[in-house]
Amino acid sequence: MFFEDLYGLLRVATISLLAYPALIIILRVAGKRSLAKLNAFDLVVTVALGSTLATVLLSKNVKMAEGVLAFSMLAGLQWTVARLSISSPWFRGLIRAEPRLLFQNGQYLHSAMAQERVTADEVDAAVRNAGHGSLDAVAAVVLETDGSMSVIANEDYELTALHSVQS
């Protein structure tokens, strides 16, 4: 019920001790981008690396060398895509989304929000998370390429609030 035999447990322990350090070395060689939260492609590669690690650890049909090759291929493909996106604007447009303005000058941009599947409540939450108690304090909210929202403070509001505190 809990395991078939001790060999299976020993295999998982041994492969874990070998595969995990191999993955760490490959990620270190591949660079910081391999673990960055940058765009959908990076997320897919990160999930694929985790799935590959789990398969290598648990599947008796996948050999250690095959797993290391899979890690290396995923890291190498991600590196290649990153390089191509830097050197080719066409390829960059294919791989990466553009930031999207969701709120500006006191107005929700409903068509942009609908296309990005973002609600006003989510925009409001981003504003609160940025430390603003009111939408009046915000000039704009931007949905970034990594899915996070950047809140740009309204300088006029900040200056007005500062002036009223000093008076």
C-alpha atoms as a PDB file:
ATOM      1  CA  MET A   1       0.000   0.000   0.000  1.00  0.00           C
ATOM      2  CA  PHE A   2       2.743   2.485   0.926  1.00  0.00           C
ATOM      3  CA  PHE A   3       5.486   1.095  -1.342  1.00  0.00           C
ATOM      4  CA  GLU A   4       6.291  -1.972  -3.411  1.00  0.00           C
ATOM      5  CA  ASP A   5       9.809  -2.658  -2.243  1.00  0.00           C
ATOM      6  CA  LEU A   6      12.839  -1.007  -0.708  1.00  0.00           C
ATOM      7  CA  TYR A   7      14.527  -0.788  -4.109  1.00  0.00           C
ATOM      8  CA  GLY A   8      11.889   1.716  -5.275  1.00  0.00           C
ATOM      9  CA  LEU A   9      12.474   3.931  -2.254  1.00  0.00           C
ATOM     10  CA  LEU A  10      16.240   3.671  -2.614  1.00  0.00           C
ATOM     11  CA  ARG A  11      15.972   4.544  -6.327  1.00  0.00           C
ATOM     12  CA  VAL A  12      13.918   7.692  -5.599  1.00  0.00           C
ATOM     13  CA  ALA A  13      16.335   8.783  -2.862  1.00  0.00           C
ATOM     14  CA  THR A  14      19.400   8.190  -5.057  1.00  0.00           C
ATOM     15  CA  ILE A  15      17.945   9.877  -8.140  1.00  0.00           C
ATOM     16  CA  SER A  16      16.824  12.829  -5.969  1.00  0.00           C
ATOM     17  CA  LEU A  17      20.352  13.262  -4.658  1.00  0.00           C
ATOM     18  CA  LEU A  18      21.689  13.285  -8.235  1.00  0.00           C
ATOM     19  CA  ALA A  19      18.921  14.990 -10.247  1.00  0.00           C
ATOM     20  CA  TYR A  20      18.313  17.935  -7.933  1.00  0.00           C
ATOM     21  CA  PRO A  21      21.945  19.125  -7.921  1.00  0.00           C
ATOM     22  CA  ALA A  22      22.092  18.576 -11.696  1.00  0.00           C
ATOM     23  CA  LEU A  23      19.039  20.818 -12.127  1.00  0.00           C
ATOM     24  CA  ILE A  24      20.550  23.488  -9.850  1.00  0.00           C
ATOM     25  CA  ILE A  25      23.818  23.469 -11.826  1.00  0.00           C
ATOM     26  CA  ILE A  26      21.959  23.716 -15.140  1.00  0.00           C
ATOM     27  CA  LEU A  27      19.843  26.610 -13.839  1.00  0.00           C
ATOM     28  CA  ARG A  28      22.930  28.433 -12.544  1.00  0.00           C
ATOM     29  CA  VAL A  29      24.623  28.049 -15.934  1.00  0.00           C
ATOM     30  CA  ALA A  30      21.429  29.132 -17.719  1.00  0.00           C
ATOM     31  CA  GLY A  31      21.304  32.363 -15.705  1.00  0.00           C
ATOM     32  CA  LYS A  32      18.818  34.227 -13.546  1.00  0.00           C
ATOM     33  CA  ARG A  33      16.194  34.424 -16.252  1.00  0.00           C
ATOM     34  CA  SER A  34      15.469  30.709 -15.854  1.00  0.00           C
ATOM     35  CA  LEU A  35      13.765  31.386 -12.544  1.00  0.00           C
ATOM     36  CA  ALA A  36      12.448  34.853 -13.270  1.00  0.00           C
ATOM     37  CA  LYS A  37       8.804  35.791 -13.353  1.00  0.00           C
ATOM     38  CA  LEU A  38       8.968  37.559 -16.700  1.00  0.00           C
ATOM     39  CA  ASN A  39       6.353  36.249 -19.104  1.00  0.00           C
ATOM     40  CA  ALA A  40       4.176  33.295 -20.038  1.00  0.00           C
ATOM     41  CA  PHE A  41       7.015  31.527 -21.855  1.00  0.00           C
ATOM     42  CA  ASP A  42       9.263  31.677 -18.773  1.00  0.00           C
ATOM     43  CA  LEU A  43       6.440  30.312 -16.630  1.00  0.00           C
ATOM     44  CA  VAL A  44       5.902  27.394 -19.014  1.00  0.00           C
ATOM     45  CA  VAL A  45       9.614  26.542 -18.947  1.00  0.00           C
ATOM     46  CA  THR A  46       9.682  26.709 -15.141  1.00  0.00           C
ATOM     47  CA  VAL A  47       6.666  24.399 -14.877  1.00  0.00           C
ATOM     48  CA  ALA A  48       8.196  22.058 -17.465  1.00  0.00           C
ATOM     49  CA  LEU A  49      11.431  21.878 -15.451  1.00  0.00           C
ATOM     50  CA  GLY A  50       9.473  20.973 -12.328  1.00  0.00           C
ATOM     51  CA  SER A  51       7.442  18.377 -14.185  1.00  0.00           C
ATOM     52  CA  THR A  52      10.592  16.894 -15.688  1.00  0.00           C
ATOM     53  CA  LEU A  53      12.220  16.701 -12.262  1.00  0.00           C
ATOM     54  CA  ALA A  54       9.171  14.893 -10.866  1.00  0.00           C
ATOM     55  CA  THR A  55       9.164  12.468 -13.791  1.00  0.00           C
ATOM     56  CA  VAL A  56      12.863  11.727 -13.399  1.00  0.00           C
ATOM     57  CA  LEU A  57      12.407  11.138  -9.670  1.00  0.00           C
ATOM     58  CA  LEU A  58       9.329   8.940  -9.855  1.00  0.00           C
ATOM     59  CA  SER A  59       9.330   7.145 -13.197  1.00  0.00           C
ATOM     60  CA  LYS A  60      11.402   4.009 -13.442  1.00  0.00           C
ATOM     61  CA  ASN A  61      11.212   4.324 -17.230  1.00  0.00           C
ATOM     62  CA  VAL A  62      13.173   7.600 -17.333  1.00  0.00           C
ATOM     63  CA  LYS A  63      16.898   7.286 -16.775  1.00  0.00           C
ATOM     64  CA  MET A  64      18.969   9.916 -15.004  1.00  0.00           C
ATOM     65  CA  ALA A  65      20.915  10.844 -18.155  1.00  0.00           C
ATOM     66  CA  GLU A  66      17.634  11.354 -20.042  1.00  0.00           C
ATOM     67  CA  GLY A  67      16.403  13.666 -17.297  1.00  0.00           C
ATOM     68  CA  VAL A  68      19.591  15.712 -17.289  1.00  0.00           C
ATOM     69  CA  LEU A  69      19.382  15.971 -21.083  1.00  0.00           C
ATOM     70  CA  ALA A  70      15.761  17.152 -20.756  1.00  0.00           C
ATOM     71  CA  PHE A  71      16.783  19.806 -18.169  1.00  0.00           C
ATOM     72  CA  SER A  72      19.593  20.953 -20.450  1.00  0.00           C
ATOM     73  CA  MET A  73      17.348  21.084 -23.511  1.00  0.00           C
ATOM     74  CA  LEU A  74      14.687  23.153 -21.714  1.00  0.00           C
ATOM     75  CA  ALA A  75      17.298  25.576 -20.341  1.00  0.00           C
ATOM     76  CA  GLY A  76      19.013  25.783 -23.742  1.00  0.00           C
ATOM     77  CA  LEU A  77      15.743  26.403 -25.572  1.00  0.00           C
ATOM     78  CA  GLN A  78      14.803  29.112 -23.093  1.00  0.00           C
ATOM     79  CA  TRP A  79      18.226  30.726 -23.565  1.00  0.00           C
ATOM     80  CA  THR A  80      17.794  30.589 -27.364  1.00  0.00           C
ATOM     81  CA  VAL A  81      14.323  32.133 -27.205  1.00  0.00           C
ATOM     82  CA  ALA A  82      15.591  34.871 -24.880  1.00  0.00           C
ATOM     83  CA  ARG A  83      18.474  35.676 -27.252  1.00  0.00           C
ATOM     84  CA  LEU A  84      16.180  35.737 -30.280  1.00  0.00           C
ATOM     85  CA  SER A  85      13.718  38.006 -28.489  1.00  0.00           C
ATOM     86  CA  ILE A  86      16.541  40.445 -27.737  1.00  0.00           C
ATOM     87  CA  SER A  87      17.860  40.532 -31.293  1.00  0.00           C
ATOM     88  CA  SER A  88      14.608  40.299 -33.261  1.00  0.00           C
ATOM     89  CA  PRO A  89      11.701  42.701 -32.645  1.00  0.00           C
ATOM     90  CA  TRP A  90       9.421  40.418 -34.691  1.00  0.00           C
ATOM     91  CA  PHE A  91      10.281  37.403 -32.542  1.00  0.00           C
ATOM     92  CA  ARG A  92       9.999  39.473 -29.333  1.00  0.00           C
ATOM     93  CA  GLY A  93       6.464  40.465 -30.357  1.00  0.00           C
ATOM     94  CA  LEU A  94       5.623  36.822 -30.925  1.00  0.00           C
ATOM     95  CA  ILE A  95       6.910  35.685 -27.511  1.00  0.00           C
ATOM     96  CA  ARG A  96       6.234  38.604 -25.169  1.00  0.00           C
ATOM     97  CA  ALA A  97       3.091  40.510 -24.379  1.00  0.00           C
ATOM     98  CA  GLU A  98       3.119  44.283 -24.172  1.00  0.00           C
ATOM     99  CA  PRO A  99       2.246  46.147 -20.953  1.00  0.00           C
ATOM    100  CA  ARG A 100      -1.404  47.288 -20.941  1.00  0.00           C
ATOM    101  CA  LEU A 101      -2.895  50.421 -19.409  1.00  0.00           C
ATOM    102  CA  LEU A 102      -5.958  49.485 -17.293  1.00  0.00           C
ATOM    103  CA  PHE A 103      -6.694  52.704 -15.379  1.00  0.00           C
ATOM    104  CA  GLN A 104      -5.808  56.293 -16.222  1.00  0.00           C
ATOM    105  CA  ASN A 105      -6.837  59.743 -15.018  1.00  0.00           C
ATOM    106  CA  GLY A 106      -9.566  58.459 -12.720  1.00  0.00           C
ATOM    107  CA  GLN A 107     -11.110  56.142 -15.326  1.00  0.00           C
ATOM    108  CA  TYR A 108     -11.106  52.400 -15.686  1.00  0.00           C
ATOM    109  CA  LEU A 109     -10.255  51.429 -19.263  1.00  0.00           C
ATOM    110  CA  HIS A 110     -13.015  48.818 -19.535  1.00  0.00           C
ATOM    111  CA  SER A 111     -12.207  47.546 -23.042  1.00  0.00           C
ATOM    112  CA  ALA A 112      -8.560  46.923 -22.099  1.00  0.00           C
ATOM    113  CA  MET A 113      -9.649  45.314 -18.825  1.00  0.00           C
ATOM    114  CA  ALA A 114     -12.082  43.030 -20.665  1.00  0.00           C
ATOM    115  CA  GLN A 115      -9.434  41.976 -23.202  1.00  0.00           C
ATOM    116  CA  GLU A 116      -6.979  41.204 -20.379  1.00  0.00           C
ATOM    117  CA  ARG A 117      -9.709  39.576 -18.249  1.00  0.00           C
ATOM    118  CA  VAL A 118      -9.081  41.891 -15.297  1.00  0.00           C
ATOM    119  CA  THR A 119     -11.836  43.199 -13.020  1.00  0.00           C
ATOM    120  CA  ALA A 120     -12.139  46.584 -11.363  1.00  0.00           C
ATOM    121  CA  ASP A 121     -11.817  44.790  -8.006  1.00  0.00           C
ATOM    122  CA  GLU A 122      -8.402  43.460  -9.073  1.00  0.00           C
ATOM    123  CA  VAL A 123      -7.281  46.945 -10.111  1.00  0.00           C
ATOM    124  CA  ASP A 124      -8.557  48.314  -6.785  1.00  0.00           C
ATOM    125  CA  ALA A 125      -6.646  45.586  -4.913  1.00  0.00           C
ATOM    126  CA  ALA A 126      -3.436  46.516  -6.759  1.00  0.00           C
ATOM    127  CA  VAL A 127      -3.948  50.146  -5.772  1.00  0.00           C
ATOM    128  CA  ARG A 128      -4.419  49.176  -2.107  1.00  0.00           C
ATOM    129  CA  ASN A 129      -1.389  46.846  -2.236  1.00  0.00           C
ATOM    130  CA  ALA A 130       0.658  49.787  -3.518  1.00  0.00           C
ATOM    131  CA  GLY A 131      -0.299  51.711  -0.373  1.00  0.00           C
ATOM    132  CA  HIS A 132      -2.906  54.054  -1.818  1.00  0.00           C
ATOM    133  CA  GLY A 133      -6.223  54.439  -0.030  1.00  0.00           C
ATOM    134  CA  SER A 134      -7.944  56.176  -2.898  1.00  0.00           C
ATOM    135  CA  LEU A 135      -8.048  55.985  -6.674  1.00  0.00           C
ATOM    136  CA  ASP A 136      -7.590  59.769  -6.601  1.00  0.00           C
ATOM    137  CA  ALA A 137      -3.984  59.118  -5.550  1.00  0.00           C
ATOM    138  CA  VAL A 138      -3.360  57.089  -8.706  1.00  0.00           C
ATOM    139  CA  ALA A 139      -2.497  58.410 -12.157  1.00  0.00           C
ATOM    140  CA  ALA A 140      -2.433  54.993 -13.831  1.00  0.00           C
ATOM    141  CA  VAL A 141      -2.420  51.237 -13.343  1.00  0.00           C
ATOM    142  CA  VAL A 142      -0.493  49.123 -15.845  1.00  0.00           C
ATOM    143  CA  LEU A 143      -0.759  45.355 -16.333  1.00  0.00           C
ATOM    144  CA  GLU A 144       2.868  44.319 -16.833  1.00  0.00           C
ATOM    145  CA  THR A 145       4.134  41.542 -19.091  1.00  0.00           C
ATOM    146  CA  ASP A 146       4.614  39.229 -16.095  1.00  0.00           C
ATOM    147  CA  GLY A 147       0.986  39.633 -14.978  1.00  0.00           C
ATOM    148  CA  SER A 148       1.717  42.006 -12.106  1.00  0.00           C
ATOM    149  CA  MET A 149       0.142  45.449 -11.894  1.00  0.00           C
ATOM    150  CA  SER A 150       2.202  48.611 -11.531  1.00  0.00           C
ATOM    151  CA  VAL A 151       0.520  51.534  -9.820  1.00  0.00           C
ATOM    152  CA  ILE A 152       1.743  54.987 -10.806  1.00  0.00           C
ATOM    153  CA  ALA A 153       1.039  57.646  -8.190  1.00  0.00           C
ATOM    154  CA  ASN A 154      -0.694  60.869  -9.102  1.00  0.00           C
ATOM    155  CA  GLU A 155       1.897  63.533  -8.305  1.00  0.00           C
ATOM    156  CA  ASP A 156      -0.742  66.283  -8.117  1.00  0.00           C
ATOM    157  CA  TYR A 157      -2.589  64.290  -5.439  1.00  0.00           C
ATOM    158  CA  GLU A 158       0.631  63.699  -3.519  1.00  0.00           C
ATOM    159  CA  LEU A 159       1.519  67.412  -3.634  1.00  0.00           C
ATOM    160  CA  THR A 160      -2.020  68.451  -2.584  1.00  0.00           C
ATOM    161  CA  ALA A 161      -2.019  65.979   0.313  1.00  0.00           C
ATOM    162  CA  LEU A 162       1.441  67.120   1.425  1.00  0.00           C
ATOM    163  CA  HIS A 163       0.418  70.786   1.235  1.00  0.00           C
ATOM    164  CA  SER A 164      -2.763  70.214   3.311  1.00  0.00           C
ATOM    165  CA  VAL A 165      -0.744  68.346   5.977  1.00  0.00           C
ATOM    166  CA  GLN A 166       1.755  71.199   6.220  1.00  0.00           C
ATOM    167  CA  SER A 167      -0.966  73.884   6.473  1.00  0.00           C
END
